[in-house]
Amino acid sequence: MITALKQLHQPGLIQAACLLRNKEVEASTFEASERNYQTIARQAFSYIFHNASRVGANHNESHLEIGHMRLSGFLMKQGWILVCLSPKHSNIQLVREVVKCSQQELASAVQSA
């Protein structure tokens, strides 16, 4: 899983990523200095996607700006959540494209977990 997450890294675009399942971090490339963002992401995106599904919404993407950084959460199959950490002024569309291009490898990584 770490290999798949590291392939998401793009200088100036995505600097860290993690995979969440059942409100827990299963794999992460967040540095120790970035762990506060990972904690916020774990709590926030678990809450957001859980409540979106409770009301029947099909939302599968959410973004949070925290200080000078942005957290992007993507709901994957079987309840997995991918979180990407980016600079606040990065292009969200480019983040989406990187995630989209990595979907197959990420899906394989979570299936083997």
N, C-alpha and C. Protein backbone atom coordinates (compact mmCIF):
# COMPACT_ATOMS: atom_id res chain seq x y z
N MET A 1 0.82 -1.20 0.00
CA MET A 1 0.00 0.00 0.00
C MET A 1 0.86 1.26 0.00
N ILE A 2 1.96 1.24 0.72
CA ILE A 2 2.83 2.41 0.79
C ILE A 2 3.36 2.76 -0.60
N THR A 3 3.70 1.75 -1.39
CA THR A 3 4.19 1.99 -2.75
C THR A 3 3.14 2.71 -3.58
N ALA A 4 1.90 2.28 -3.49
CA ALA A 4 0.82 2.93 -4.24
C ALA A 4 0.62 4.37 -3.77
N LEU A 5 0.72 4.60 -2.46
CA LEU A 5 0.57 5.96 -1.94
C LEU A 5 1.72 6.86 -2.37
N LYS A 6 2.93 6.34 -2.39
CA LYS A 6 4.08 7.14 -2.79
C LYS A 6 4.01 7.55 -4.25
N GLN A 7 3.34 6.75 -5.07
CA GLN A 7 3.21 7.09 -6.49
C GLN A 7 2.28 8.29 -6.69
N LEU A 8 1.48 8.62 -5.67
CA LEU A 8 0.63 9.80 -5.75
C LEU A 8 1.41 11.09 -5.57
N HIS A 9 2.57 11.01 -4.92
CA HIS A 9 3.35 12.20 -4.61
C HIS A 9 3.77 12.92 -5.88
N GLN A 10 3.48 14.20 -5.92
CA GLN A 10 3.85 15.06 -7.03
C GLN A 10 4.38 16.35 -6.42
N PRO A 11 5.61 16.74 -6.71
CA PRO A 11 6.16 17.97 -6.12
C PRO A 11 5.25 19.18 -6.35
N GLY A 12 4.92 19.88 -5.28
CA GLY A 12 4.07 21.05 -5.36
C GLY A 12 2.59 20.75 -5.50
N LEU A 13 2.23 19.47 -5.57
CA LEU A 13 0.82 19.10 -5.74
C LEU A 13 0.34 18.19 -4.62
N ILE A 14 0.89 17.00 -4.51
CA ILE A 14 0.53 16.08 -3.43
C ILE A 14 1.82 15.73 -2.70
N GLN A 15 1.86 16.04 -1.41
CA GLN A 15 3.09 15.78 -0.67
C GLN A 15 2.96 14.63 0.32
N ALA A 16 1.75 14.17 0.58
CA ALA A 16 1.55 13.02 1.46
C ALA A 16 0.18 12.44 1.17
N ALA A 17 0.01 11.16 1.54
CA ALA A 17 -1.28 10.49 1.34
C ALA A 17 -1.44 9.39 2.39
N CYS A 18 -2.68 9.04 2.66
CA CYS A 18 -2.94 7.91 3.55
C CYS A 18 -4.24 7.24 3.13
N LEU A 19 -4.39 6.00 3.55
CA LEU A 19 -5.61 5.23 3.32
C LEU A 19 -6.25 4.94 4.67
N LEU A 20 -7.55 5.22 4.74
CA LEU A 20 -8.32 5.00 5.96
C LEU A 20 -9.33 3.89 5.73
N ARG A 21 -9.55 3.10 6.76
CA ARG A 21 -10.62 2.10 6.74
C ARG A 21 -11.16 1.97 8.14
N ASN A 22 -12.48 2.03 8.28
CA ASN A 22 -13.13 1.95 9.59
C ASN A 22 -12.54 2.94 10.58
N LYS A 23 -12.37 4.18 10.13
CA LYS A 23 -11.87 5.29 10.95
C LYS A 23 -10.43 5.13 11.41
N GLU A 24 -9.70 4.21 10.83
CA GLU A 24 -8.30 3.98 11.22
C GLU A 24 -7.38 4.15 10.02
N VAL A 25 -6.18 4.63 10.28
CA VAL A 25 -5.17 4.78 9.24
C VAL A 25 -4.54 3.41 8.99
N GLU A 26 -4.66 2.91 7.78
CA GLU A 26 -4.11 1.60 7.42
C GLU A 26 -2.72 1.72 6.79
N ALA A 27 -2.47 2.83 6.08
CA ALA A 27 -1.16 3.06 5.48
C ALA A 27 -1.02 4.57 5.29
N SER A 28 0.22 5.06 5.44
CA SER A 28 0.42 6.50 5.38
C SER A 28 1.83 6.85 4.92
N THR A 29 1.92 7.97 4.19
CA THR A 29 3.22 8.55 3.84
C THR A 29 3.38 9.92 4.50
N PHE A 30 2.51 10.25 5.44
CA PHE A 30 2.62 11.51 6.16
C PHE A 30 3.87 11.47 7.03
N GLU A 31 4.66 12.55 6.97
CA GLU A 31 5.83 12.69 7.84
C GLU A 31 5.36 12.99 9.25
N ALA A 32 6.23 12.80 10.22
CA ALA A 32 5.89 13.07 11.63
C ALA A 32 5.39 14.50 11.81
N SER A 33 5.99 15.45 11.11
CA SER A 33 5.59 16.85 11.24
C SER A 33 4.21 17.14 10.63
N GLU A 34 3.68 16.20 9.86
CA GLU A 34 2.38 16.37 9.20
C GLU A 34 1.28 15.54 9.86
N ARG A 35 1.60 14.85 10.92
CA ARG A 35 0.63 13.92 11.53
C ARG A 35 -0.62 14.61 12.05
N ASN A 36 -0.50 15.89 12.45
CA ASN A 36 -1.71 16.59 12.89
C ASN A 36 -2.72 16.69 11.76
N TYR A 37 -2.26 16.87 10.52
CA TYR A 37 -3.17 16.89 9.38
C TYR A 37 -3.81 15.51 9.16
N GLN A 38 -3.04 14.47 9.36
CA GLN A 38 -3.56 13.11 9.21
C GLN A 38 -4.65 12.84 10.24
N THR A 39 -4.44 13.29 11.46
CA THR A 39 -5.44 13.11 12.53
C THR A 39 -6.73 13.85 12.19
N ILE A 40 -6.60 15.09 11.74
CA ILE A 40 -7.77 15.88 11.34
C ILE A 40 -8.50 15.18 10.19
N ALA A 41 -7.73 14.72 9.20
CA ALA A 41 -8.32 14.05 8.04
C ALA A 41 -9.07 12.79 8.45
N ARG A 42 -8.47 11.99 9.31
CA ARG A 42 -9.11 10.75 9.75
C ARG A 42 -10.46 11.03 10.38
N GLN A 43 -10.50 11.99 11.27
CA GLN A 43 -11.75 12.30 11.95
C GLN A 43 -12.76 12.96 11.03
N ALA A 44 -12.31 13.95 10.26
CA ALA A 44 -13.23 14.72 9.43
C ALA A 44 -13.83 13.91 8.28
N PHE A 45 -12.97 13.22 7.53
CA PHE A 45 -13.49 12.50 6.35
C PHE A 45 -14.29 11.27 6.75
N SER A 46 -13.94 10.62 7.84
CA SER A 46 -14.77 9.50 8.32
C SER A 46 -16.17 10.01 8.66
N TYR A 47 -16.24 11.14 9.32
CA TYR A 47 -17.52 11.75 9.68
C TYR A 47 -18.30 12.19 8.44
N ILE A 48 -17.63 12.90 7.55
CA ILE A 48 -18.29 13.43 6.35
C ILE A 48 -18.89 12.32 5.49
N PHE A 49 -18.08 11.31 5.17
CA PHE A 49 -18.57 10.27 4.27
C PHE A 49 -19.59 9.36 4.95
N HIS A 50 -19.45 9.13 6.25
CA HIS A 50 -20.44 8.33 6.98
C HIS A 50 -21.80 9.03 6.95
N ASN A 51 -21.81 10.32 7.25
CA ASN A 51 -23.08 11.05 7.28
C ASN A 51 -23.65 11.29 5.89
N ALA A 52 -22.81 11.43 4.89
CA ALA A 52 -23.31 11.57 3.52
C ALA A 52 -24.05 10.30 3.10
N SER A 53 -23.49 9.14 3.43
CA SER A 53 -24.16 7.89 3.07
C SER A 53 -25.44 7.67 3.88
N ARG A 54 -25.46 8.14 5.12
CA ARG A 54 -26.66 8.01 5.96
C ARG A 54 -27.86 8.73 5.37
N VAL A 55 -27.61 9.86 4.71
CA VAL A 55 -28.71 10.62 4.12
C VAL A 55 -28.92 10.28 2.65
N GLY A 56 -28.21 9.27 2.17
CA GLY A 56 -28.41 8.80 0.81
C GLY A 56 -27.67 9.61 -0.25
N ALA A 57 -26.75 10.46 0.15
CA ALA A 57 -25.98 11.24 -0.82
C ALA A 57 -24.89 10.37 -1.43
N ASN A 58 -24.57 10.64 -2.67
CA ASN A 58 -23.54 9.88 -3.37
C ASN A 58 -22.22 10.63 -3.45
N HIS A 59 -21.97 11.50 -2.51
CA HIS A 59 -20.73 12.28 -2.53
C HIS A 59 -19.54 11.37 -2.29
N ASN A 60 -18.51 11.51 -3.11
CA ASN A 60 -17.33 10.67 -2.96
C ASN A 60 -16.04 11.49 -2.91
N GLU A 61 -16.17 12.80 -2.69
CA GLU A 61 -15.00 13.67 -2.64
C GLU A 61 -15.30 14.85 -1.71
N SER A 62 -14.28 15.24 -0.95
CA SER A 62 -14.42 16.37 -0.05
C SER A 62 -13.06 17.02 0.13
N HIS A 63 -13.04 18.34 0.37
CA HIS A 63 -11.79 19.07 0.53
C HIS A 63 -11.89 19.98 1.76
N LEU A 64 -10.81 20.05 2.50
CA LEU A 64 -10.72 20.92 3.68
C LEU A 64 -9.45 21.74 3.61
N GLU A 65 -9.57 23.02 3.88
CA GLU A 65 -8.37 23.86 3.98
C GLU A 65 -8.08 24.06 5.46
N ILE A 66 -6.87 23.70 5.85
CA ILE A 66 -6.43 23.83 7.23
C ILE A 66 -5.12 24.63 7.19
N GLY A 67 -5.15 25.87 7.66
CA GLY A 67 -3.95 26.69 7.61
C GLY A 67 -3.51 26.89 6.17
N HIS A 68 -2.26 26.59 5.88
CA HIS A 68 -1.72 26.77 4.53
C HIS A 68 -1.74 25.47 3.71
N MET A 69 -2.50 24.48 4.17
CA MET A 69 -2.56 23.19 3.49
C MET A 69 -4.02 22.84 3.15
N ARG A 70 -4.16 21.89 2.22
CA ARG A 70 -5.49 21.36 1.85
C ARG A 70 -5.47 19.85 2.01
N LEU A 71 -6.53 19.33 2.59
CA LEU A 71 -6.74 17.89 2.68
C LEU A 71 -7.85 17.54 1.70
N SER A 72 -7.60 16.56 0.86
CA SER A 72 -8.60 16.09 -0.10
C SER A 72 -8.91 14.65 0.23
N GLY A 73 -10.19 14.36 0.43
CA GLY A 73 -10.62 13.00 0.75
C GLY A 73 -11.43 12.42 -0.40
N PHE A 74 -11.14 11.17 -0.74
CA PHE A 74 -11.82 10.49 -1.84
C PHE A 74 -12.35 9.16 -1.32
N LEU A 75 -13.66 8.97 -1.38
CA LEU A 75 -14.28 7.72 -0.96
C LEU A 75 -14.06 6.68 -2.05
N MET A 76 -13.49 5.55 -1.64
CA MET A 76 -13.22 4.47 -2.57
C MET A 76 -14.19 3.32 -2.30
N LYS A 77 -14.06 2.26 -3.07
CA LYS A 77 -14.92 1.09 -2.88
C LYS A 77 -14.67 0.44 -1.53
N GLN A 78 -15.68 -0.22 -1.04
CA GLN A 78 -15.63 -0.98 0.21
C GLN A 78 -15.29 -0.12 1.42
N GLY A 79 -15.63 1.17 1.37
CA GLY A 79 -15.48 2.04 2.52
C GLY A 79 -14.10 2.60 2.76
N TRP A 80 -13.16 2.35 1.89
CA TRP A 80 -11.82 2.93 2.03
C TRP A 80 -11.88 4.41 1.68
N ILE A 81 -11.04 5.19 2.36
CA ILE A 81 -10.95 6.62 2.08
C ILE A 81 -9.48 6.94 1.79
N LEU A 82 -9.25 7.59 0.67
CA LEU A 82 -7.91 8.07 0.32
C LEU A 82 -7.85 9.54 0.70
N VAL A 83 -6.79 9.92 1.40
CA VAL A 83 -6.58 11.31 1.79
C VAL A 83 -5.27 11.79 1.18
N CYS A 84 -5.30 12.96 0.58
CA CYS A 84 -4.10 13.58 0.01
C CYS A 84 -3.87 14.93 0.68
N LEU A 85 -2.63 15.23 1.00
CA LEU A 85 -2.23 16.51 1.58
C LEU A 85 -1.54 17.32 0.51
N SER A 86 -2.03 18.55 0.29
CA SER A 86 -1.50 19.43 -0.75
C SER A 86 -1.35 20.85 -0.20
N PRO A 87 -0.50 21.65 -0.83
CA PRO A 87 -0.48 23.07 -0.49
C PRO A 87 -1.85 23.69 -0.78
N LYS A 88 -2.23 24.66 0.01
CA LYS A 88 -3.56 25.27 -0.09
C LYS A 88 -3.88 25.79 -1.49
N HIS A 89 -2.90 26.32 -2.20
CA HIS A 89 -3.17 26.93 -3.50
C HIS A 89 -2.92 25.99 -4.67
N SER A 90 -2.81 24.69 -4.39
CA SER A 90 -2.61 23.73 -5.48
C SER A 90 -3.92 23.57 -6.27
N ASN A 91 -3.80 23.08 -7.46
CA ASN A 91 -4.93 22.91 -8.36
C ASN A 91 -5.68 21.62 -8.01
N ILE A 92 -6.92 21.77 -7.55
CA ILE A 92 -7.73 20.61 -7.15
C ILE A 92 -7.97 19.68 -8.33
N GLN A 93 -8.15 20.24 -9.51
CA GLN A 93 -8.38 19.40 -10.69
C GLN A 93 -7.18 18.50 -10.97
N LEU A 94 -5.97 19.03 -10.78
CA LEU A 94 -4.78 18.20 -10.97
C LEU A 94 -4.70 17.10 -9.92
N VAL A 95 -5.08 17.41 -8.69
CA VAL A 95 -5.11 16.38 -7.64
C VAL A 95 -6.08 15.27 -8.05
N ARG A 96 -7.25 15.66 -8.54
CA ARG A 96 -8.24 14.67 -9.00
C ARG A 96 -7.67 13.79 -10.11
N GLU A 97 -6.96 14.40 -11.04
CA GLU A 97 -6.39 13.65 -12.16
C GLU A 97 -5.35 12.64 -11.68
N VAL A 98 -4.49 13.05 -10.75
CA VAL A 98 -3.48 12.13 -10.21
C VAL A 98 -4.17 10.96 -9.53
N VAL A 99 -5.20 11.25 -8.73
CA VAL A 99 -5.93 10.19 -8.03
C VAL A 99 -6.62 9.29 -9.04
N LYS A 100 -7.25 9.87 -10.04
CA LYS A 100 -7.95 9.08 -11.07
C LYS A 100 -6.99 8.14 -11.79
N CYS A 101 -5.81 8.65 -12.14
CA CYS A 101 -4.82 7.83 -12.84
C CYS A 101 -4.27 6.71 -11.97
N SER A 102 -4.39 6.85 -10.66
CA SER A 102 -3.86 5.85 -9.73
C SER A 102 -4.93 4.90 -9.19
N GLN A 103 -6.16 5.05 -9.64
CA GLN A 103 -7.27 4.26 -9.09
C GLN A 103 -7.04 2.75 -9.17
N GLN A 104 -6.56 2.27 -10.28
CA GLN A 104 -6.40 0.83 -10.44
C GLN A 104 -5.35 0.28 -9.47
N GLU A 105 -4.24 0.96 -9.34
CA GLU A 105 -3.19 0.50 -8.43
C GLU A 105 -3.64 0.61 -6.97
N LEU A 106 -4.37 1.68 -6.64
CA LEU A 106 -4.89 1.82 -5.28
C LEU A 106 -5.90 0.73 -4.97
N ALA A 107 -6.76 0.43 -5.92
CA ALA A 107 -7.76 -0.63 -5.73
C ALA A 107 -7.08 -1.97 -5.50
N SER A 108 -6.03 -2.26 -6.24
CA SER A 108 -5.30 -3.50 -6.04
C SER A 108 -4.65 -3.54 -4.67
N ALA A 109 -4.13 -2.40 -4.24
CA ALA A 109 -3.46 -2.33 -2.92
C ALA A 109 -4.43 -2.58 -1.78
N VAL A 110 -5.63 -2.01 -1.87
CA VAL A 110 -6.60 -2.19 -0.78
C VAL A 110 -7.22 -3.59 -0.80
N GLN A 111 -7.32 -4.20 -1.97
CA GLN A 111 -7.86 -5.55 -2.04
C GLN A 111 -6.92 -6.57 -1.42
N SER A 112 -5.63 -6.31 -1.52
CA SER A 112 -4.67 -7.25 -0.95
C SER A 112 -4.43 -7.02 0.54
N ALA A 113 -5.06 -5.99 1.09
CA ALA A 113 -4.88 -5.69 2.52
C ALA A 113 -5.75 -6.58 3.39
